[in-house]
Amino acid sequence: SSAGNTDYQDSVKGRFTISRDNAKNTVYLQMNILKPEDTA
């Protein structure tokens, strides 16, 4: 959300982190411990 509240699909919890920079109108997705099933 614009306030920074996050929600995740269960399969990526603990591995992925979503964040945003409101001043830059930019959203990020940090993906760690990537698995072949993340291919998409």
PDB file of all heavy atoms in Angstrom:
ATOM      1  N   SER A   1       0.831  -1.191   0.000  1.00  0.00           N
ATOM      2  CA  SER A   1       0.000   0.000   0.000  1.00  0.00           C
ATOM      3  C   SER A   1       0.871   1.249   0.000  1.00  0.00           C
ATOM      4  O   SER A   1       2.086   1.187   0.169  1.00  0.00           O
ATOM      5  CB  SER A   1      -0.925   0.002   1.221  1.00  0.00           C
ATOM      6  OG  SER A   1      -0.199   0.277   2.402  1.00  0.00           O
ATOM      7  N   SER A   2       0.237   2.402  -0.177  1.00  0.00           N
ATOM      8  CA  SER A   2       0.975   3.656  -0.159  1.00  0.00           C
ATOM      9  C   SER A   2       1.612   3.935   1.198  1.00  0.00           C
ATOM     10  O   SER A   2       2.607   4.660   1.281  1.00  0.00           O
ATOM     11  CB  SER A   2       0.061   4.823  -0.548  1.00  0.00           C
ATOM     12  OG  SER A   2      -1.035   4.932   0.349  1.00  0.00           O
ATOM     13  N   ALA A   3       1.047   3.351   2.244  1.00  0.00           N
ATOM     14  CA  ALA A   3       1.590   3.499   3.594  1.00  0.00           C
ATOM     15  C   ALA A   3       2.670   2.478   3.914  1.00  0.00           C
ATOM     16  O   ALA A   3       3.289   2.564   4.976  1.00  0.00           O
ATOM     17  CB  ALA A   3       0.473   3.415   4.619  1.00  0.00           C
ATOM     18  N   GLY A   4       2.875   1.499   3.033  1.00  0.00           N
ATOM     19  CA  GLY A   4       3.907   0.505   3.248  1.00  0.00           C
ATOM     20  C   GLY A   4       3.431  -0.823   3.789  1.00  0.00           C
ATOM     21  O   GLY A   4       4.260  -1.687   4.098  1.00  0.00           O
ATOM     22  N   ASN A   5       2.133  -1.024   3.907  1.00  0.00           N
ATOM     23  CA  ASN A   5       1.611  -2.316   4.341  1.00  0.00           C
ATOM     24  C   ASN A   5       1.770  -3.338   3.219  1.00  0.00           C
ATOM     25  O   ASN A   5       1.461  -3.051   2.063  1.00  0.00           O
ATOM     26  CB  ASN A   5       0.141  -2.202   4.734  1.00  0.00           C
ATOM     27  CG  ASN A   5      -0.092  -1.176   5.817  1.00  0.00           C
ATOM     28  OD1 ASN A   5      -0.801  -0.192   5.628  1.00  0.00           O
ATOM     29  ND2 ASN A   5       0.517  -1.401   6.976  1.00  0.00           N
ATOM     30  N   THR A   6       2.235  -4.536   3.552  1.00  0.00           N
ATOM     31  CA  THR A   6       2.562  -5.541   2.549  1.00  0.00           C
ATOM     32  C   THR A   6       1.752  -6.810   2.718  1.00  0.00           C
ATOM     33  O   THR A   6       1.255  -7.126   3.805  1.00  0.00           O
ATOM     34  CB  THR A   6       4.051  -5.898   2.596  1.00  0.00           C
ATOM     35  OG1 THR A   6       4.377  -6.415   3.895  1.00  0.00           O
ATOM     36  CG2 THR A   6       4.905  -4.672   2.326  1.00  0.00           C
ATOM     37  N   ASP A   7       1.643  -7.551   1.616  1.00  0.00           N
ATOM     38  CA  ASP A   7       0.991  -8.851   1.604  1.00  0.00           C
ATOM     39  C   ASP A   7       1.724  -9.717   0.598  1.00  0.00           C
ATOM     40  O   ASP A   7       2.153  -9.225  -0.450  1.00  0.00           O
ATOM     41  CB  ASP A   7      -0.483  -8.705   1.238  1.00  0.00           C
ATOM     42  CG  ASP A   7      -1.298  -9.926   1.623  1.00  0.00           C
ATOM     43  OD1 ASP A   7      -0.827 -10.748   2.424  1.00  0.00           O
ATOM     44  OD2 ASP A   7      -2.435 -10.052   1.121  1.00  0.00           O
ATOM     45  N   TYR A   8       1.875 -11.019   0.905  1.00  0.00           N
ATOM     46  CA  TYR A   8       2.660 -11.921   0.077  1.00  0.00           C
ATOM     47  C   TYR A   8       1.920 -13.217  -0.196  1.00  0.00           C
ATOM     48  O   TYR A   8       1.164 -13.717   0.641  1.00  0.00           O
ATOM     49  CB  TYR A   8       3.985 -12.280   0.747  1.00  0.00           C
ATOM     50  CG  TYR A   8       4.924 -11.122   0.948  1.00  0.00           C
ATOM     51  CD1 TYR A   8       4.903 -10.382   2.124  1.00  0.00           C
ATOM     52  CD2 TYR A   8       5.844 -10.779  -0.032  1.00  0.00           C
ATOM     53  CE1 TYR A   8       5.770  -9.323   2.311  1.00  0.00           C
ATOM     54  CE2 TYR A   8       6.715  -9.719   0.147  1.00  0.00           C
ATOM     55  CZ  TYR A   8       6.675  -8.997   1.326  1.00  0.00           C
ATOM     56  OH  TYR A   8       7.541  -7.947   1.517  1.00  0.00           O
ATOM     57  N   GLN A   9       2.172 -13.778  -1.364  1.00  0.00           N
ATOM     58  CA  GLN A   9       1.783 -15.133  -1.654  1.00  0.00           C
ATOM     59  C   GLN A   9       2.591 -16.065  -0.748  1.00  0.00           C
ATOM     60  O   GLN A   9       3.775 -15.832  -0.504  1.00  0.00           O
ATOM     61  CB  GLN A   9       2.050 -15.447  -3.124  1.00  0.00           C
ATOM     62  CG  GLN A   9       1.651 -16.834  -3.569  1.00  0.00           C
ATOM     63  CD  GLN A   9       1.845 -17.009  -5.051  1.00  0.00           C
ATOM     64  OE1 GLN A   9       1.002 -16.594  -5.849  1.00  0.00           O
ATOM     65  NE2 GLN A   9       2.963 -17.627  -5.430  1.00  0.00           N
ATOM     66  N   ASP A  10       1.944 -17.116  -0.259  1.00  0.00           N
ATOM     67  CA  ASP A  10       2.592 -18.002   0.710  1.00  0.00           C
ATOM     68  C   ASP A  10       3.908 -18.584   0.191  1.00  0.00           C
ATOM     69  O   ASP A  10       4.860 -18.752   0.966  1.00  0.00           O
ATOM     70  CB  ASP A  10       1.654 -19.144   1.100  1.00  0.00           C
ATOM     71  CG  ASP A  10       0.532 -18.704   2.012  1.00  0.00           C
ATOM     72  OD1 ASP A  10       0.635 -17.604   2.601  1.00  0.00           O
ATOM     73  OD2 ASP A  10      -0.448 -19.453   2.144  1.00  0.00           O
ATOM     74  N   SER A  11       3.987 -18.886  -1.078  1.00  0.00           N
ATOM     75  CA  SER A  11       5.163 -19.548  -1.628  1.00  0.00           C
ATOM     76  C   SER A  11       6.415 -18.679  -1.626  1.00  0.00           C
ATOM     77  O   SER A  11       7.522 -19.198  -1.778  1.00  0.00           O
ATOM     78  CB  SER A  11       4.887 -20.033  -3.051  1.00  0.00           C
ATOM     79  OG  SER A  11       4.668 -18.942  -3.929  1.00  0.00           O
ATOM     80  N   VAL A  12       6.262 -17.367  -1.444  1.00  0.00           N
ATOM     81  CA  VAL A  12       7.423 -16.470  -1.464  1.00  0.00           C
ATOM     82  C   VAL A  12       7.702 -15.833  -0.116  1.00  0.00           C
ATOM     83  O   VAL A  12       8.704 -15.114   0.020  1.00  0.00           O
ATOM     84  CB  VAL A  12       7.279 -15.369  -2.539  1.00  0.00           C
ATOM     85  CG1 VAL A  12       6.973 -15.984  -3.896  1.00  0.00           C
ATOM     86  CG2 VAL A  12       6.208 -14.362  -2.148  1.00  0.00           C
ATOM     87  N   LYS A  13       6.873 -16.089   0.869  1.00  0.00           N
ATOM     88  CA  LYS A  13       7.088 -15.512   2.191  1.00  0.00           C
ATOM     89  C   LYS A  13       8.424 -15.966   2.766  1.00  0.00           C
ATOM     90  O   LYS A  13       8.770 -17.137   2.703  1.00  0.00           O
ATOM     91  CB  LYS A  13       5.956 -15.902   3.143  1.00  0.00           C
ATOM     92  CG  LYS A  13       4.655 -15.186   2.873  1.00  0.00           C
ATOM     93  CD  LYS A  13       3.582 -15.586   3.881  1.00  0.00           C
ATOM     94  CE  LYS A  13       2.292 -14.824   3.642  1.00  0.00           C
ATOM     95  NZ  LYS A  13       1.232 -15.237   4.592  1.00  0.00           N
ATOM     96  N   GLY A  14       9.162 -15.016   3.309  1.00  0.00           N
ATOM     97  CA  GLY A  14      10.470 -15.309   3.856  1.00  0.00           C
ATOM     98  C   GLY A  14      11.585 -15.248   2.845  1.00  0.00           C
ATOM     99  O   GLY A  14      12.762 -15.273   3.233  1.00  0.00           O
ATOM    100  N   ARG A  15      11.251 -15.190   1.558  1.00  0.00           N
ATOM    101  CA  ARG A  15      12.263 -15.119   0.509  1.00  0.00           C
ATOM    102  C   ARG A  15      12.206 -13.806  -0.274  1.00  0.00           C
ATOM    103  O   ARG A  15      13.239 -13.266  -0.660  1.00  0.00           O
ATOM    104  CB  ARG A  15      12.104 -16.282  -0.468  1.00  0.00           C
ATOM    105  CG  ARG A  15      12.257 -17.656   0.165  1.00  0.00           C
ATOM    106  CD  ARG A  15      12.309 -18.757  -0.888  1.00  0.00           C
ATOM    107  NE  ARG A  15      11.077 -18.825  -1.667  1.00  0.00           N
ATOM    108  CZ  ARG A  15      11.014 -18.676  -2.993  1.00  0.00           C
ATOM    109  NH1 ARG A  15      12.122 -18.456  -3.696  1.00  0.00           N
ATOM    110  NH2 ARG A  15       9.849 -18.775  -3.625  1.00  0.00           N
ATOM    111  N   PHE A  16      10.998 -13.316  -0.526  1.00  0.00           N
ATOM    112  CA  PHE A  16      10.811 -12.093  -1.311  1.00  0.00           C
ATOM    113  C   PHE A  16      10.413 -10.940  -0.401  1.00  0.00           C
ATOM    114  O   PHE A  16       9.708 -11.132   0.592  1.00  0.00           O
ATOM    115  CB  PHE A  16       9.714 -12.272  -2.358  1.00  0.00           C
ATOM    116  CG  PHE A  16      10.051 -13.201  -3.491  1.00  0.00           C
ATOM    117  CD1 PHE A  16      11.176 -14.007  -3.465  1.00  0.00           C
ATOM    118  CD2 PHE A  16       9.215 -13.264  -4.592  1.00  0.00           C
ATOM    119  CE1 PHE A  16      11.470 -14.863  -4.513  1.00  0.00           C
ATOM    120  CE2 PHE A  16       9.492 -14.111  -5.649  1.00  0.00           C
ATOM    121  CZ  PHE A  16      10.625 -14.911  -5.610  1.00  0.00           C
ATOM    122  N   THR A  17      10.826  -9.738  -0.772  1.00  0.00           N
ATOM    123  CA  THR A  17      10.440  -8.531  -0.053  1.00  0.00           C
ATOM    124  C   THR A  17      10.016  -7.457  -1.044  1.00  0.00           C
ATOM    125  O   THR A  17      10.781  -7.110  -1.946  1.00  0.00           O
ATOM    126  CB  THR A  17      11.583  -7.994   0.817  1.00  0.00           C
ATOM    127  OG1 THR A  17      12.003  -8.993   1.745  1.00  0.00           O
ATOM    128  CG2 THR A  17      11.126  -6.758   1.597  1.00  0.00           C
ATOM    129  N   ILE A  18       8.804  -6.931  -0.882  1.00  0.00           N
ATOM    130  CA  ILE A  18       8.339  -5.831  -1.710  1.00  0.00           C
ATOM    131  C   ILE A  18       8.538  -4.523  -0.950  1.00  0.00           C
ATOM    132  O   ILE A  18       8.348  -4.462   0.263  1.00  0.00           O
ATOM    133  CB  ILE A  18       6.861  -6.019  -2.122  1.00  0.00           C
ATOM    134  CG1 ILE A  18       6.450  -4.980  -3.170  1.00  0.00           C
ATOM    135  CG2 ILE A  18       5.939  -6.002  -0.922  1.00  0.00           C
ATOM    136  CD1 ILE A  18       5.081  -5.245  -3.788  1.00  0.00           C
ATOM    137  N   SER A  19       8.939  -3.489  -1.665  1.00  0.00           N
ATOM    138  CA  SER A  19       9.139  -2.176  -1.065  1.00  0.00           C
ATOM    139  C   SER A  19       8.830  -1.111  -2.112  1.00  0.00           C
ATOM    140  O   SER A  19       8.667  -1.419  -3.293  1.00  0.00           O
ATOM    141  CB  SER A  19      10.565  -2.018  -0.528  1.00  0.00           C
ATOM    142  OG  SER A  19      11.515  -2.139  -1.568  1.00  0.00           O
ATOM    143  N   ARG A  20       8.746   0.139  -1.672  1.00  0.00           N
ATOM    144  CA  ARG A  20       8.473   1.222  -2.619  1.00  0.00           C
ATOM    145  C   ARG A  20       9.132   2.510  -2.162  1.00  0.00           C
ATOM    146  O   ARG A  20       9.379   2.720  -0.974  1.00  0.00           O
ATOM    147  CB  ARG A  20       6.965   1.432  -2.806  1.00  0.00           C
ATOM    148  CG  ARG A  20       6.227   1.894  -1.560  1.00  0.00           C
ATOM    149  CD  ARG A  20       4.712   1.815  -1.753  1.00  0.00           C
ATOM    150  NE  ARG A  20       4.204   2.862  -2.629  1.00  0.00           N
ATOM    151  CZ  ARG A  20       2.959   2.910  -3.098  1.00  0.00           C
ATOM    152  NH1 ARG A  20       2.102   1.937  -2.802  1.00  0.00           N
ATOM    153  NH2 ARG A  20       2.580   3.917  -3.882  1.00  0.00           N
ATOM    154  N   ASP A  21       9.408   3.362  -3.128  1.00  0.00           N
ATOM    155  CA  ASP A  21       9.923   4.697  -2.895  1.00  0.00           C
ATOM    156  C   ASP A  21       8.893   5.651  -3.482  1.00  0.00           C
ATOM    157  O   ASP A  21       8.828   5.837  -4.704  1.00  0.00           O
ATOM    158  CB  ASP A  21      11.288   4.875  -3.555  1.00  0.00           C
ATOM    159  CG  ASP A  21      11.923   6.212  -3.245  1.00  0.00           C
ATOM    160  OD1 ASP A  21      11.202   7.171  -2.906  1.00  0.00           O
ATOM    161  OD2 ASP A  21      13.164   6.308  -3.343  1.00  0.00           O
ATOM    162  N   ASN A  22       8.076   6.240  -2.638  1.00  0.00           N
ATOM    163  CA  ASN A  22       6.986   7.087  -3.113  1.00  0.00           C
ATOM    164  C   ASN A  22       7.485   8.340  -3.839  1.00  0.00           C
ATOM    165  O   ASN A  22       6.831   8.833  -4.754  1.00  0.00           O
ATOM    166  CB  ASN A  22       6.080   7.475  -1.951  1.00  0.00           C
ATOM    167  CG  ASN A  22       5.287   6.300  -1.412  1.00  0.00           C
ATOM    168  OD1 ASN A  22       4.995   5.345  -2.139  1.00  0.00           O
ATOM    169  ND2 ASN A  22       4.931   6.352  -0.140  1.00  0.00           N
ATOM    170  N   ALA A  23       8.631   8.860  -3.424  1.00  0.00           N
ATOM    171  CA  ALA A  23       9.190  10.041  -4.073  1.00  0.00           C
ATOM    172  C   ALA A  23       9.588   9.755  -5.519  1.00  0.00           C
ATOM    173  O   ALA A  23       9.603  10.658  -6.354  1.00  0.00           O
ATOM    174  CB  ALA A  23      10.391  10.560  -3.293  1.00  0.00           C
ATOM    175  N   LYS A  24       9.922   8.496  -5.812  1.00  0.00           N
ATOM    176  CA  LYS A  24      10.335   8.101  -7.156  1.00  0.00           C
ATOM    177  C   LYS A  24       9.250   7.341  -7.911  1.00  0.00           C
ATOM    178  O   LYS A  24       9.479   6.915  -9.047  1.00  0.00           O
ATOM    179  CB  LYS A  24      11.591   7.237  -7.088  1.00  0.00           C
ATOM    180  CG  LYS A  24      12.802   7.940  -6.512  1.00  0.00           C
ATOM    181  CD  LYS A  24      14.006   7.005  -6.468  1.00  0.00           C
ATOM    182  CE  LYS A  24      15.231   7.713  -5.916  1.00  0.00           C
ATOM    183  NZ  LYS A  24      16.407   6.805  -5.855  1.00  0.00           N
ATOM    184  N   ASN A  25       8.085   7.158  -7.288  1.00  0.00           N
ATOM    185  CA  ASN A  25       7.004   6.372  -7.885  1.00  0.00           C
ATOM    186  C   ASN A  25       7.502   5.004  -8.355  1.00  0.00           C
ATOM    187  O   ASN A  25       7.164   4.540  -9.443  1.00  0.00           O
ATOM    188  CB  ASN A  25       6.356   7.125  -9.050  1.00  0.00           C
ATOM    189  CG  ASN A  25       5.523   8.298  -8.595  1.00  0.00           C
ATOM    190  OD1 ASN A  25       4.986   8.311  -7.489  1.00  0.00           O
ATOM    191  ND2 ASN A  25       5.393   9.302  -9.462  1.00  0.00           N
ATOM    192  N   THR A  26       8.282   4.373  -7.512  1.00  0.00           N
ATOM    193  CA  THR A  26       8.940   3.127  -7.873  1.00  0.00           C
ATOM    194  C   THR A  26       8.652   2.039  -6.846  1.00  0.00           C
ATOM    195  O   THR A  26       8.654   2.303  -5.641  1.00  0.00           O
ATOM    196  CB  THR A  26      10.456   3.327  -7.994  1.00  0.00           C
ATOM    197  OG1 THR A  26      10.724   4.298  -9.019  1.00  0.00           O
ATOM    198  CG2 THR A  26      11.155   2.030  -8.356  1.00  0.00           C
ATOM    199  N   VAL A  27       8.404   0.835  -7.336  1.00  0.00           N
ATOM    200  CA  VAL A  27       8.212  -0.331  -6.485  1.00  0.00           C
ATOM    201  C   VAL A  27       9.307  -1.343  -6.810  1.00  0.00           C
ATOM    202  O   VAL A  27       9.727  -1.469  -7.961  1.00  0.00           O
ATOM    203  CB  VAL A  27       6.809  -0.940  -6.662  1.00  0.00           C
ATOM    204  CG1 VAL A  27       6.596  -1.451  -8.080  1.00  0.00           C
ATOM    205  CG2 VAL A  27       6.560  -2.049  -5.641  1.00  0.00           C
ATOM    206  N   TYR A  28       9.762  -2.056  -5.786  1.00  0.00           N
ATOM    207  CA  TYR A  28      10.836  -3.022  -5.929  1.00  0.00           C
ATOM    208  C   TYR A  28      10.376  -4.394  -5.448  1.00  0.00           C
ATOM    209  O   TYR A  28       9.478  -4.511  -4.623  1.00  0.00           O
ATOM    210  CB  TYR A  28      12.057  -2.613  -5.106  1.00  0.00           C
ATOM    211  CG  TYR A  28      12.574  -1.229  -5.399  1.00  0.00           C
ATOM    212  CD1 TYR A  28      12.148  -0.133  -4.642  1.00  0.00           C
ATOM    213  CD2 TYR A  28      13.486  -1.000  -6.421  1.00  0.00           C
ATOM    214  CE1 TYR A  28      12.614   1.136  -4.902  1.00  0.00           C
ATOM    215  CE2 TYR A  28      13.960   0.272  -6.686  1.00  0.00           C
ATOM    216  CZ  TYR A  28      13.525   1.336  -5.929  1.00  0.00           C
ATOM    217  OH  TYR A  28      13.992   2.595  -6.191  1.00  0.00           O
ATOM    218  N   LEU A  29      11.024  -5.414  -5.965  1.00  0.00           N
ATOM    219  CA  LEU A  29      10.837  -6.766  -5.455  1.00  0.00           C
ATOM    220  C   LEU A  29      12.208  -7.401  -5.291  1.00  0.00           C
ATOM    221  O   LEU A  29      12.870  -7.725  -6.274  1.00  0.00           O
ATOM    222  CB  LEU A  29       9.974  -7.612  -6.389  1.00  0.00           C
ATOM    223  CG  LEU A  29       9.609  -9.002  -5.861  1.00  0.00           C
ATOM    224  CD1 LEU A  29       8.673  -8.891  -4.659  1.00  0.00           C
ATOM    225  CD2 LEU A  29       8.972  -9.852  -6.958  1.00  0.00           C
ATOM    226  N   GLN A  30      12.638  -7.539  -4.045  1.00  0.00           N
ATOM    227  CA  GLN A  30      13.885  -8.226  -3.738  1.00  0.00           C
ATOM    228  C   GLN A  30      13.585  -9.712  -3.625  1.00  0.00           C
ATOM    229  O   GLN A  30      12.783 -10.123  -2.784  1.00  0.00           O
ATOM    230  CB  GLN A  30      14.483  -7.700  -2.436  1.00  0.00           C
ATOM    231  CG  GLN A  30      15.775  -8.390  -2.013  1.00  0.00           C
ATOM    232  CD  GLN A  30      16.920  -8.121  -2.957  1.00  0.00           C
ATOM    233  OE1 GLN A  30      17.146  -6.981  -3.340  1.00  0.00           O
ATOM    234  NE2 GLN A  30      17.633  -9.164  -3.349  1.00  0.00           N
ATOM    235  N   MET A  31      14.238 -10.510  -4.446  1.00  0.00           N
ATOM    236  CA  MET A  31      13.994 -11.943  -4.498  1.00  0.00           C
ATOM    237  C   MET A  31      15.260 -12.672  -4.069  1.00  0.00           C
ATOM    238  O   MET A  31      16.296 -12.569  -4.730  1.00  0.00           O
ATOM    239  CB  MET A  31      13.579 -12.370  -5.902  1.00  0.00           C
ATOM    240  CG  MET A  31      12.354 -11.631  -6.422  1.00  0.00           C
ATOM    241  SD  MET A  31      11.807 -12.241  -8.041  1.00  0.00           S
ATOM    242  CE  MET A  31      13.214 -11.746  -9.047  1.00  0.00           C
ATOM    243  N   ASN A  32      15.168 -13.416  -2.980  1.00  0.00           N
ATOM    244  CA  ASN A  32      16.290 -14.183  -2.449  1.00  0.00           C
ATOM    245  C   ASN A  32      15.960 -15.670  -2.463  1.00  0.00           C
ATOM    246  O   ASN A  32      14.798 -16.069  -2.512  1.00  0.00           O
ATOM    247  CB  ASN A  32      16.620 -13.744  -1.024  1.00  0.00           C
ATOM    248  CG  ASN A  32      17.038 -12.294  -0.929  1.00  0.00           C
ATOM    249  OD1 ASN A  32      17.712 -11.770  -1.808  1.00  0.00           O
ATOM    250  ND2 ASN A  32      16.642 -11.635   0.164  1.00  0.00           N
ATOM    251  N   ILE A  33      16.994 -16.485  -2.372  1.00  0.00           N
ATOM    252  CA  ILE A  33      16.870 -17.944  -2.353  1.00  0.00           C
ATOM    253  C   ILE A  33      15.947 -18.390  -3.486  1.00  0.00           C
ATOM    254  O   ILE A  33      14.985 -19.131  -3.287  1.00  0.00           O
ATOM    255  CB  ILE A  33      16.359 -18.451  -0.989  1.00  0.00           C
ATOM    256  CG1 ILE A  33      16.997 -17.680   0.167  1.00  0.00           C
ATOM    257  CG2 ILE A  33      16.663 -19.948  -0.820  1.00  0.00           C
ATOM    258  CD1 ILE A  33      16.469 -18.036   1.534  1.00  0.00           C
ATOM    259  N   LEU A  34      16.252 -17.940  -4.672  1.00  0.00           N
ATOM    260  CA  LEU A  34      15.417 -18.224  -5.822  1.00  0.00           C
ATOM    261  C   LEU A  34      15.414 -19.714  -6.152  1.00  0.00           C
ATOM    262  O   LEU A  34      16.429 -20.403  -5.999  1.00  0.00           O
ATOM    263  CB  LEU A  34      15.878 -17.425  -7.033  1.00  0.00           C
ATOM    264  CG  LEU A  34      15.456 -15.958  -7.016  1.00  0.00           C
ATOM    265  CD1 LEU A  34      16.298 -15.141  -7.977  1.00  0.00           C
ATOM    266  CD2 LEU A  34      13.975 -15.833  -7.358  1.00  0.00           C
ATOM    267  N   LYS A  35      14.261 -20.186  -6.595  1.00  0.00           N
ATOM    268  CA  LYS A  35      14.050 -21.580  -6.944  1.00  0.00           C
ATOM    269  C   LYS A  35      13.628 -21.678  -8.405  1.00  0.00           C
ATOM    270  O   LYS A  35      13.072 -20.735  -8.957  1.00  0.00           O
ATOM    271  CB  LYS A  35      12.961 -22.191  -6.058  1.00  0.00           C
ATOM    272  CG  LYS A  35      13.211 -22.082  -4.569  1.00  0.00           C
ATOM    273  CD  LYS A  35      12.021 -22.595  -3.775  1.00  0.00           C
ATOM    274  CE  LYS A  35      12.260 -22.484  -2.281  1.00  0.00           C
ATOM    275  NZ  LYS A  35      11.091 -22.967  -1.505  1.00  0.00           N
ATOM    276  N   PRO A  36      13.864 -22.833  -9.042  1.00  0.00           N
ATOM    277  CA  PRO A  36      13.429 -22.984 -10.434  1.00  0.00           C
ATOM    278  C   PRO A  36      11.938 -22.701 -10.631  1.00  0.00           C
ATOM    279  O   PRO A  36      11.550 -22.179 -11.686  1.00  0.00           O
ATOM    280  CB  PRO A  36      13.765 -24.444 -10.747  1.00  0.00           C
ATOM    281  CG  PRO A  36      14.944 -24.730  -9.887  1.00  0.00           C
ATOM    282  CD  PRO A  36      14.670 -23.986  -8.601  1.00  0.00           C
ATOM    283  N   GLU A  37      11.113 -23.008  -9.651  1.00  0.00           N
ATOM    284  CA  GLU A  37       9.683 -22.753  -9.772  1.00  0.00           C
ATOM    285  C   GLU A  37       9.322 -21.270  -9.726  1.00  0.00           C
ATOM    286  O   GLU A  37       8.168 -20.907  -9.959  1.00  0.00           O
ATOM    287  CB  GLU A  37       8.892 -23.513  -8.698  1.00  0.00           C
ATOM    288  CG  GLU A  37       9.411 -23.307  -7.290  1.00  0.00           C
ATOM    289  CD  GLU A  37      10.313 -24.439  -6.826  1.00  0.00           C
ATOM    290  OE1 GLU A  37      11.183 -24.866  -7.620  1.00  0.00           O
ATOM    291  OE2 GLU A  37      10.152 -24.901  -5.683  1.00  0.00           O
ATOM    292  N   ASP A  38      10.295 -20.408  -9.423  1.00  0.00           N
ATOM    293  CA  ASP A  38      10.077 -18.965  -9.501  1.00  0.00           C
ATOM    294  C   ASP A  38      10.197 -18.447 -10.930  1.00  0.00           C
ATOM    295  O   ASP A  38       9.900 -17.273 -11.182  1.00  0.00           O
ATOM    296  CB  ASP A  38      11.074 -18.217  -8.620  1.00  0.00           C
ATOM    297  CG  ASP A  38      10.889 -18.502  -7.140  1.00  0.00           C
ATOM    298  OD1 ASP A  38       9.730 -18.567  -6.681  1.00  0.00           O
ATOM    299  OD2 ASP A  38      11.910 -18.659  -6.439  1.00  0.00           O
ATOM    300  N   THR A  39      10.641 -19.280 -11.846  1.00  0.00           N
ATOM    301  CA  THR A  39      10.797 -18.876 -13.237  1.00  0.00           C
ATOM    302  C   THR A  39       9.460 -18.436 -13.819  1.00  0.00           C
ATOM    303  O   THR A  39       8.481 -19.182 -13.788  1.00  0.00           O
ATOM    304  CB  THR A  39      11.375 -20.022 -14.072  1.00  0.00           C
ATOM    305  OG1 THR A  39      12.695 -20.320 -13.611  1.00  0.00           O
ATOM    306  CG2 THR A  39      11.433 -19.654 -15.548  1.00  0.00           C
ATOM    307  N   ALA A  40       9.417 -17.214 -14.341  1.00  0.00           N
ATOM    308  CA  ALA A  40       8.186 -16.644 -14.870  1.00  0.00           C
ATOM    309  C   ALA A  40       8.480 -15.264 -15.438  1.00  0.00           C
ATOM    310  O   ALA A  40       9.564 -14.710 -15.233  1.00  0.00           O
ATOM    311  CB  ALA A  40       7.122 -16.530 -13.778  1.00  0.00           C
TER     312      ALA A  40
END
